[in-house]
Amino acid sequence: MFLDMNGEALDRLHAVIHEHPQWQWEIDRRYRFTKVAAGVLSLLGRDHDTVVGQQIYDFMAPKEAARVARFFRNRPATPFACVISHHLRADGRTVAIESDAVPLKDESGELRGYRGIAQGVMDIDLTQSESVYRMMAIYNTAPSALCLIGRDGRYLAANAAYATIHALEPDELVGRKVDELLPGEGERVRQSLKLLDAGQDVPAHEIAHGDRFYQVLANPVHNLMGHVIGITTAWMDITDRKQAEQKLEETNRKLEQYARHDHLTGLANRRHIDEVLTEEVHRAMRAEHALSVLMFDVDVFKKYNDHYGHLRGDQCLRAVAVALRKALHRHGDLVGRYGGEEFVAILPGTDAIGALKVAGAIIHAINALNIPHAKSKYGRITLSIGASTLENVPHMQGVEEHCDALLQAADRALYTAKLSGRNAVYGMTTGELANAWHDVVD
């Protein structure tokens, strides 16, 4: 484990090494001891002549030597602190030593070795270390995936469950950067360290890897001085839960689709039209802009159904719906099936003249479909359209009153278009409808 050294931190490290000559050691570029202080010799349980000239690996078990060699190989000529390694004493015991060191370079800038200090962490008597073996066995066989990450974003340790996620052996992970296996996670490690350094907790997060989903919990690892020197993470497989959530989300999307759209045509249904109309009337009142509504009716459609059958009738309505959707392509416009062969379109920001132009284009588009209709005087499917426009908005009236006025004006205009011979458009404003009602009352 190690802390990155730079700036003031590196200066402090140089000062600490200089101030503790009794714990100093030096090694050359081939990792052979060239200088060993009395305190370090005491930790190793050896004398000066048996240590100087020997590689540091000569006093380690093979597996530990390989791990330390990877550490130096992955961080060449780099200062480090809080690195813990295990060394074999002359009496057969193992001692854990924490080291801090800085690289030594020659005049040409080439690495010539390291100078550092060492202090003992704890002595481990392997003949009486059953608890240690038991702890490591639990770590290595735990069903949860566990790993240890240093401050430079490299793996320091991993158990079998975690290594399996990446199709590697635990030893193959040590020394590799997290970003190599999980692009983007290195930045998350850096942000997590900032939180931990500030004494804050790291929130759990989810990560997708391969075809699996995991929840990741992170906790700090401290040295004897209380500094955060790394992060230990636990990965819990939540794939089943995520798949259930995705299925539920998809089901909810479908339900929402069904709740807002007509099953036959795929257009908005009456409920959704009413909701949008309420929103648009409120917006028109607030912004004082125009709002128009078109109401369509497929001419003599009952006769079409009686003559061609209901299946052909459904096909006809779907074809009309496609043509309406293409004709009303402006952002904000909405067209839906209001019931049976009746359709409604909402045109925000469209005045009376604009509404009539849109309606005329729709009449042309439906005629262009040229769907045969033997019982129509035109010989094809046609539409009658009533257009209504909200104007002279009295603010003492509520939104619902204006919605009703728009729909009733469009319905009355549609009725007039049918009386004029069908395949026609007629327009009316809500003001004209109010005047017509006033004339009837008088």
Foldseek 3Di string as FASTA:
>chain_A
DWDADDDPRVVVQVVVLVVCVQFKWKAWPVQATQDGHPQRCVQQQHDDVVRGRHHQLVFADPVQSVLVVLVCVLQPQGWTFQDWGWGAHPVGWIWIKTKTWGFDADPVRHTTIIMIGIDTDDIGGVVPVPVVVVVVVCQQPPCWWKWKAFPQQATQFTHQNVQVLQPHGGVVRGSDHPCVQPNPVSVVQNVQLVQVQVVHADDWDWDDRDLWIWIKHKDFDADPVRHGGIIMIIIDTCRVVVVVVVVVVVVVVVVVQPVQADPLQSFGEQVNVVVLLLVLLVVCVVVVAKKKKKKKAWPPLVLQCVVVNVVVSSVLLNVLSVLLCVLPVDPPKGKGAHDDRMIMIIDHRAAQVRQQVSVVVSQVSQVVVQAADCPAPVRGIGMQMEMEMEDPDDPVDDSVVSSVLNVVNRVVQSVVSVVVPGSYYGYYYSVRVVVVVVVVVD
